[in-house]
Protein backbone atom coordinates (compact mmCIF):
# COMPACT_ATOMS: atom_id res chain seq x y z
CA MET A 1 -8.72 21.32 -5.82
CA LYS A 2 -11.56 23.38 -7.69
CA THR A 3 -11.63 27.04 -6.53
CA GLY A 4 -14.36 29.49 -6.94
CA ILE A 5 -13.83 33.21 -6.85
CA LEU A 6 -16.56 35.26 -5.64
CA LEU A 7 -16.48 38.96 -6.64
CA LEU A 8 -18.74 40.65 -4.12
CA ASN A 9 -20.30 44.12 -4.83
CA PHE A 10 -23.29 46.15 -3.81
CA GLY A 11 -25.09 46.29 -7.15
CA GLY A 12 -27.57 48.96 -8.03
CA PRO A 13 -30.68 49.44 -10.19
CA TRP A 14 -29.90 48.24 -13.74
CA THR A 15 -33.04 50.05 -15.10
CA LEU A 16 -35.19 52.91 -13.77
CA LYS A 17 -37.93 50.20 -12.74
CA ASP A 18 -35.27 48.76 -10.57
CA VAL A 19 -34.79 51.97 -8.44
CA LYS A 20 -37.29 51.80 -5.79
CA PRO A 21 -37.20 48.00 -5.27
CA PHE A 22 -33.11 48.44 -4.99
CA LEU A 23 -33.63 51.08 -2.39
CA TYR A 24 -35.89 48.92 -0.49
CA ARG A 25 -33.43 46.11 -0.45
CA LEU A 26 -30.62 48.42 0.35
CA PHE A 27 -32.24 50.03 3.53
CA SER A 28 -33.65 46.55 4.68
CA ASP A 29 -30.25 45.37 5.43
CA PRO A 30 -29.61 45.77 9.26
CA ALA A 31 -26.17 46.74 8.47
CA ILE A 32 -27.29 49.86 6.68
CA LEU A 33 -30.33 50.72 8.69
CA GLY A 34 -29.71 49.50 12.12
CA ILE A 35 -33.17 49.43 13.52
CA PRO A 36 -35.40 46.27 14.63
CA THR A 37 -37.39 44.23 12.42
CA PRO A 38 -40.22 44.74 11.52
CA PHE A 39 -39.86 48.60 11.70
CA ARG A 40 -36.72 48.47 9.75
CA HIS A 41 -38.69 47.00 6.70
CA LEU A 42 -41.49 49.59 7.17
CA VAL A 43 -38.81 52.42 7.26
CA ALA A 44 -37.03 51.00 4.16
CA PHE A 45 -40.35 51.05 2.26
CA LEU A 46 -40.86 54.76 3.19
CA ILE A 47 -37.42 55.72 2.22
CA SER A 48 -37.61 53.81 -1.09
CA GLN A 49 -40.75 55.70 -2.01
CA ILE A 50 -39.84 59.17 -0.66
CA LYS A 51 -36.15 59.12 -2.12
CA GLY A 52 -37.21 56.93 -5.20
CA THR A 53 -38.57 59.91 -7.33
CA SER A 54 -35.41 62.09 -7.00
CA SER A 55 -33.14 58.77 -7.42
CA ILE A 56 -35.06 57.98 -10.60
CA GLU A 57 -34.29 61.51 -12.08
CA ASN A 58 -30.69 60.93 -11.24
CA TYR A 59 -30.46 57.56 -12.78
CA SER A 60 -32.16 59.27 -15.91
CA ALA A 61 -29.43 61.61 -16.05
CA ILE A 62 -26.89 59.17 -16.39
CA GLY A 63 -28.49 56.91 -19.03
CA GLY A 64 -31.17 55.19 -17.22
CA GLY A 65 -29.58 52.83 -14.74
CA SER A 66 -26.46 51.80 -13.08
CA PRO A 67 -23.63 50.51 -15.27
CA GLN A 68 -21.81 48.76 -12.46
CA LEU A 69 -23.01 45.33 -13.54
CA LYS A 70 -21.63 45.71 -16.95
CA TRP A 71 -18.12 46.77 -15.51
CA THR A 72 -18.32 44.07 -12.82
CA GLU A 73 -18.95 41.41 -15.50
CA HIS A 74 -16.05 42.68 -17.59
CA GLN A 75 -13.65 42.57 -14.72
CA ALA A 76 -14.84 39.00 -13.77
CA SER A 77 -14.36 37.80 -17.33
CA GLN A 78 -11.03 39.43 -17.55
CA LEU A 79 -9.79 37.93 -14.25
CA GLN A 80 -11.28 34.54 -15.58
CA THR A 81 -8.95 34.90 -18.64
CA LEU A 82 -5.94 35.52 -16.35
CA LEU A 83 -6.84 32.40 -14.24
CA THR A 84 -5.65 29.92 -16.93
CA SER A 85 -6.51 26.74 -15.03
CA ASP A 86 -9.75 24.90 -15.31
CA PHE A 87 -9.68 24.60 -11.52
CA PHE A 88 -10.70 28.10 -11.20
CA ARG A 89 -14.19 29.76 -11.85
CA VAL A 90 -15.10 33.40 -11.34
CA GLU A 91 -18.78 34.47 -10.25
CA ILE A 92 -20.16 37.70 -9.23
CA GLY A 93 -22.55 38.11 -6.39
CA MET A 94 -24.46 41.52 -5.70
CA ARG A 95 -25.61 42.19 -1.99
CA SER A 96 -28.52 44.32 -3.06
CA ALA A 97 -29.32 43.59 -6.74
CA GLU A 98 -29.21 40.52 -9.13
CA PRO A 99 -27.21 38.32 -9.76
CA GLY A 100 -27.34 37.98 -5.90
CA ILE A 101 -24.84 36.27 -3.64
CA PRO A 102 -27.01 33.01 -3.23
CA PHE A 103 -27.32 32.63 -7.11
CA ALA A 104 -23.64 33.04 -7.45
CA LEU A 105 -22.90 30.37 -4.61
CA SER A 106 -25.37 27.92 -6.06
CA ARG A 107 -23.56 27.95 -9.44
CA LEU A 108 -20.32 27.52 -7.57
CA LYS A 109 -21.74 24.66 -5.66
CA ASP A 110 -23.19 23.07 -8.82
CA TRP A 111 -19.76 23.44 -10.59
CA GLY A 112 -18.26 21.46 -7.72
CA ALA A 113 -16.21 24.00 -5.92
CA ASP A 114 -14.05 22.95 -2.98
CA ARG A 115 -13.18 26.21 -1.58
CA VAL A 116 -14.53 29.63 -2.27
CA VAL A 117 -12.32 32.81 -1.96
CA LEU A 118 -14.55 36.02 -1.19
CA LEU A 119 -12.84 38.90 -2.97
CA PRO A 120 -14.86 42.28 -2.28
CA LEU A 121 -14.58 44.92 -4.94
CA PHE A 122 -14.54 47.45 -1.90
CA PRO A 123 -10.79 48.10 -1.31
CA GLN A 124 -11.59 49.51 2.42
CA PHE A 125 -13.38 47.13 4.74
CA SER A 126 -16.59 48.44 6.32
CA THR A 127 -19.34 46.32 8.23
CA THR A 128 -21.77 48.08 5.77
CA THR A 129 -20.20 46.75 2.51
CA THR A 130 -17.65 43.99 3.02
CA GLY A 131 -19.06 42.87 6.35
CA THR A 132 -22.73 42.56 5.09
CA CYS A 133 -21.71 40.83 2.07
CA PHE A 134 -19.69 38.08 4.28
CA LYS A 135 -22.94 37.83 6.19
CA ALA A 136 -25.01 37.25 3.10
CA VAL A 137 -22.48 34.48 2.11
CA ASN A 138 -22.74 32.71 5.47
CA ASP A 139 -26.81 32.70 5.42
CA ALA A 140 -26.76 31.53 1.81
CA LEU A 141 -24.29 28.52 2.54
CA ARG A 142 -26.47 27.62 5.47
CA LYS A 143 -29.72 27.46 3.11
CA LEU A 144 -27.77 25.60 0.54
CA LYS A 145 -26.49 23.25 3.16
CA TRP A 146 -23.05 23.61 1.68
CA ASP A 147 -19.70 23.91 3.63
CA PRO A 148 -16.81 24.70 1.23
CA GLN A 149 -13.49 25.97 2.52
CA LEU A 150 -13.91 29.83 2.66
CA ILE A 151 -11.15 32.21 2.03
CA PRO A 152 -12.40 35.66 2.89
CA ILE A 153 -9.97 38.46 1.69
CA ARG A 154 -11.25 41.38 4.19
CA HIS A 155 -9.57 44.41 2.48
CA TRP A 156 -6.81 45.75 0.27
CA PRO A 157 -6.72 49.55 0.99
CA ASP A 158 -2.97 49.99 -0.01
CA HIS A 159 -2.22 47.09 -1.98
CA SER A 160 0.50 48.35 -4.33
CA GLY A 161 -1.21 47.45 -7.54
CA TYR A 162 -4.62 49.04 -6.68
CA SER A 163 -2.90 52.29 -5.34
CA GLY A 164 -0.46 52.37 -8.11
CA LEU A 165 -3.10 52.13 -10.86
CA MET A 166 -5.11 54.78 -8.97
CA ARG A 167 -2.15 57.08 -8.82
CA ASN A 168 -1.37 56.46 -12.58
CA LEU A 169 -4.82 57.49 -13.53
CA LEU A 170 -4.58 60.62 -11.08
CA ASP A 171 -1.29 61.61 -12.57
CA GLU A 172 -2.91 61.50 -16.23
CA THR A 173 -5.68 63.66 -15.01
CA ILE A 174 -3.04 66.22 -13.51
CA THR A 175 -1.14 66.33 -16.63
CA GLN A 176 -4.35 66.89 -18.54
CA ALA A 177 -5.39 69.85 -16.19
CA GLU A 178 -1.79 71.13 -16.48
CA THR A 179 -1.99 71.08 -20.20
CA GLU A 180 -5.31 72.62 -20.63
CA SER A 181 -5.42 74.96 -17.87
CA SER A 182 -1.88 75.77 -16.75
CA SER A 183 -2.39 79.58 -16.29
CA SER A 184 -5.72 79.38 -14.52
CA GLY A 185 -4.81 79.62 -11.00
CA PRO A 186 -4.05 77.22 -8.20
CA LEU A 187 -4.72 73.42 -8.57
CA HIS A 188 -6.01 71.16 -5.70
CA ILE A 189 -6.44 67.46 -5.63
CA LEU A 190 -9.44 66.28 -3.69
CA PHE A 191 -9.53 62.60 -2.64
CA SER A 192 -13.34 61.64 -2.17
CA ALA A 193 -14.38 58.61 -0.52
CA HIS A 194 -17.82 57.26 0.31
CA SER A 195 -18.87 58.33 3.86
CA LEU A 196 -20.20 56.45 6.86
CA PRO A 197 -22.49 57.31 9.70
CA LEU A 198 -20.57 58.18 12.76
CA SER A 199 -22.83 55.83 14.69
CA VAL A 200 -21.21 53.05 12.78
CA VAL A 201 -17.63 54.52 13.34
CA LYS A 202 -18.16 54.66 16.98
CA LYS A 203 -18.97 51.01 17.04
CA GLY A 204 -15.36 50.30 15.90
CA ASP A 205 -15.90 50.06 12.22
CA PRO A 206 -12.38 50.09 10.61
CA TYR A 207 -13.36 52.05 7.49
CA PRO A 208 -11.85 55.44 8.24
CA ASP A 209 -8.44 53.87 9.05
CA ASP A 210 -8.48 51.93 5.73
CA VAL A 211 -9.45 55.33 3.85
CA HIS A 212 -6.50 56.90 5.34
CA ARG A 213 -4.32 54.05 4.39
CA SER A 214 -5.55 54.40 0.79
CA TRP A 215 -5.21 58.27 0.69
CA LYS A 216 -1.60 58.00 2.12
CA SER A 217 -0.41 55.33 -0.55
CA MET A 218 -1.84 57.11 -3.38
CA SER A 219 -0.68 60.60 -2.42
CA GLU A 220 2.87 60.08 -1.76
CA GLY A 221 5.14 62.53 -3.42
CA LEU A 222 2.27 64.45 -4.91
CA ALA A 223 3.41 68.08 -6.04
CA HIS A 224 0.22 69.76 -5.47
CA PRO A 225 -1.81 70.17 -2.37
CA HIS A 226 -4.33 67.66 -1.67
CA SER A 227 -7.00 66.63 0.94
CA LEU A 228 -9.49 63.86 1.99
CA CYS A 229 -13.25 64.25 2.03
CA PHE A 230 -16.38 62.11 2.22
CA GLN A 231 -19.30 62.07 -0.01
CA SER A 232 -22.74 60.31 -0.34
CA ARG A 233 -24.16 60.78 3.08
CA ASN A 234 -27.92 60.37 3.82
CA GLY A 235 -30.22 61.99 6.25
CA ARG A 236 -29.25 64.53 8.89
CA LEU A 237 -27.42 62.65 11.32
CA PRO A 238 -23.55 63.14 11.41
CA TRP A 239 -21.36 61.36 8.88
CA LEU A 240 -17.49 61.10 8.40
CA GLU A 241 -16.17 64.77 7.54
CA PRO A 242 -15.31 66.72 5.99
CA TYR A 243 -18.09 66.50 3.56
CA THR A 244 -17.21 66.70 -0.13
CA GLU A 245 -19.64 69.62 -0.69
CA THR A 246 -18.27 71.56 2.26
CA ALA A 247 -14.71 70.82 1.10
CA ILE A 248 -15.53 72.09 -2.47
CA GLU A 249 -17.27 75.29 -1.22
CA LYS A 250 -14.20 75.99 1.16
CA LEU A 251 -11.59 75.48 -1.65
CA GLY A 252 -13.46 77.71 -4.05
CA GLN A 253 -13.70 80.36 -1.29
CA SER A 254 -9.82 80.00 -0.74
CA GLY A 255 -9.17 80.78 -4.47
CA VAL A 256 -8.76 77.49 -5.99
CA LYS A 257 -9.36 77.72 -9.58
CA ARG A 258 -8.45 74.06 -10.82
CA LEU A 259 -9.86 70.88 -9.02
CA VAL A 260 -8.93 67.30 -9.62
CA VAL A 261 -11.35 64.91 -7.83
CA THR A 262 -10.11 61.41 -7.11
CA PRO A 263 -12.85 58.80 -6.33
CA LEU A 264 -10.88 56.89 -3.74
CA SER A 265 -13.27 54.19 -2.85
CA PHE A 266 -14.84 53.04 -6.14
CA VAL A 267 -13.50 50.55 -8.62
CA SER A 268 -16.24 51.15 -11.30
CA ASP A 269 -18.49 53.83 -12.41
CA HIS A 270 -22.04 54.10 -11.05
CA ILE A 271 -24.36 56.80 -9.36
CA GLU A 272 -21.78 58.22 -6.97
CA THR A 273 -19.17 58.88 -9.87
CA LEU A 274 -21.33 59.55 -12.84
CA TRP A 275 -24.08 61.75 -11.27
CA GLU A 276 -22.73 62.90 -7.99
CA LEU A 277 -19.07 63.71 -8.85
CA ASP A 278 -19.68 64.33 -12.41
CA LEU A 279 -22.72 66.49 -12.38
CA PHE A 280 -23.74 67.48 -8.81
CA TYR A 281 -20.20 68.46 -7.47
CA ALA A 282 -19.00 69.88 -10.83
CA ASP A 283 -21.94 72.34 -10.70
CA LEU A 284 -21.25 73.04 -7.08
CA ALA A 285 -17.51 73.79 -8.06
CA LYS A 286 -18.40 76.10 -10.74
CA LYS A 287 -20.86 78.03 -8.43
CA ASN A 288 -18.07 78.52 -6.08
CA GLY A 289 -15.59 80.01 -8.58
CA ILE A 290 -13.70 76.83 -9.38
CA THR A 291 -13.40 77.26 -13.25
CA HIS A 292 -11.61 73.92 -14.10
CA TYR A 293 -13.04 70.69 -12.69
CA TYR A 294 -11.58 67.33 -13.53
CA ARG A 295 -12.59 63.74 -12.25
CA VAL A 296 -10.17 60.72 -12.30
CA LYS A 297 -11.54 57.86 -14.09
CA THR A 298 -12.51 54.63 -12.20
CA PHE A 299 -10.98 51.23 -13.29
CA ASN A 300 -14.13 50.00 -15.33
CA ASP A 301 -12.46 48.16 -18.31
CA HIS A 302 -9.04 49.22 -17.57
CA PRO A 303 -6.77 46.38 -18.66
CA VAL A 304 -4.51 46.42 -15.50
CA PHE A 305 -7.17 46.19 -13.10
CA PRO A 306 -7.99 42.39 -13.55
CA GLU A 307 -4.21 42.09 -12.93
CA VAL A 308 -4.44 43.84 -9.68
CA LEU A 309 -7.27 41.34 -8.68
CA ARG A 310 -5.03 38.39 -9.67
CA SER A 311 -2.01 39.83 -7.61
CA ILE A 312 -4.42 40.10 -4.51
CA LEU A 313 -5.41 36.48 -4.88
CA ALA A 314 -1.80 35.28 -5.38
CA GLU A 315 -0.92 37.41 -2.14
CA ASN A 316 -3.60 35.31 -0.40
CA GLY A 317 -2.07 32.04 -1.55
CA ILE A 318 -4.36 31.52 -4.45
């Protein structure tokens, strides 16, 4: 039996020219902007034009585009190496960028896959991430008139390999902080996850529970105080709290001088880590009296992460 492994991610603007089109595709998704068509497309266009200018500036600050495609391709290539049989093939499908989910599925169909495993690179399930990717898969399969066996992996928020690797990277950063700034005052560990509108949460989205499962598994036995917060909110409507900026301000005001920020829900670098965490929040921390700011690495090209993905597949009978 030939098995296709489809790694699902959201994607991003790979160049500055892609920023506004990416924002339009992002907000055209009904799972992201839950208003009726055709108004959703009009609002998505307006958002892409209004938000596009500042987003272009932010992407310019991190090198001119998102590196997520590079890291996802690397992770897929290394996972393919671990799947030594010729009966496995790994493809990547981006929800709001190229290479898209329909393109990846067409490649697997042409290859002759009998079954397709959907492996989201979102450890925590949300209807706005994994859910909308799964819908895009079903839509694409209908258009392709193809009906392979589907094996969807919904989430892996406290998978031992994932949380263990994240904890190892966190421990390395804590050691760095203790070595470089041992006499600089209290140290706090801040786990920062991508936020979600409360309107989505109230509809029963399980994302907050998954985030807390990840936090619990990664923080067990930590010697330093730690807390959870949520970043990357958009607009003025309420999102999951506490907001990362509010948490940083309160920690600074309480006397914390050393802060270690852990990006809990990201498996590779992109705008939320390279600009939001590394630049925006680092500057905010400094303004609030935090003298030493550290950000835990994401997995990117870490050699263990493909092994984590292989372990997740094995636990699902692949």
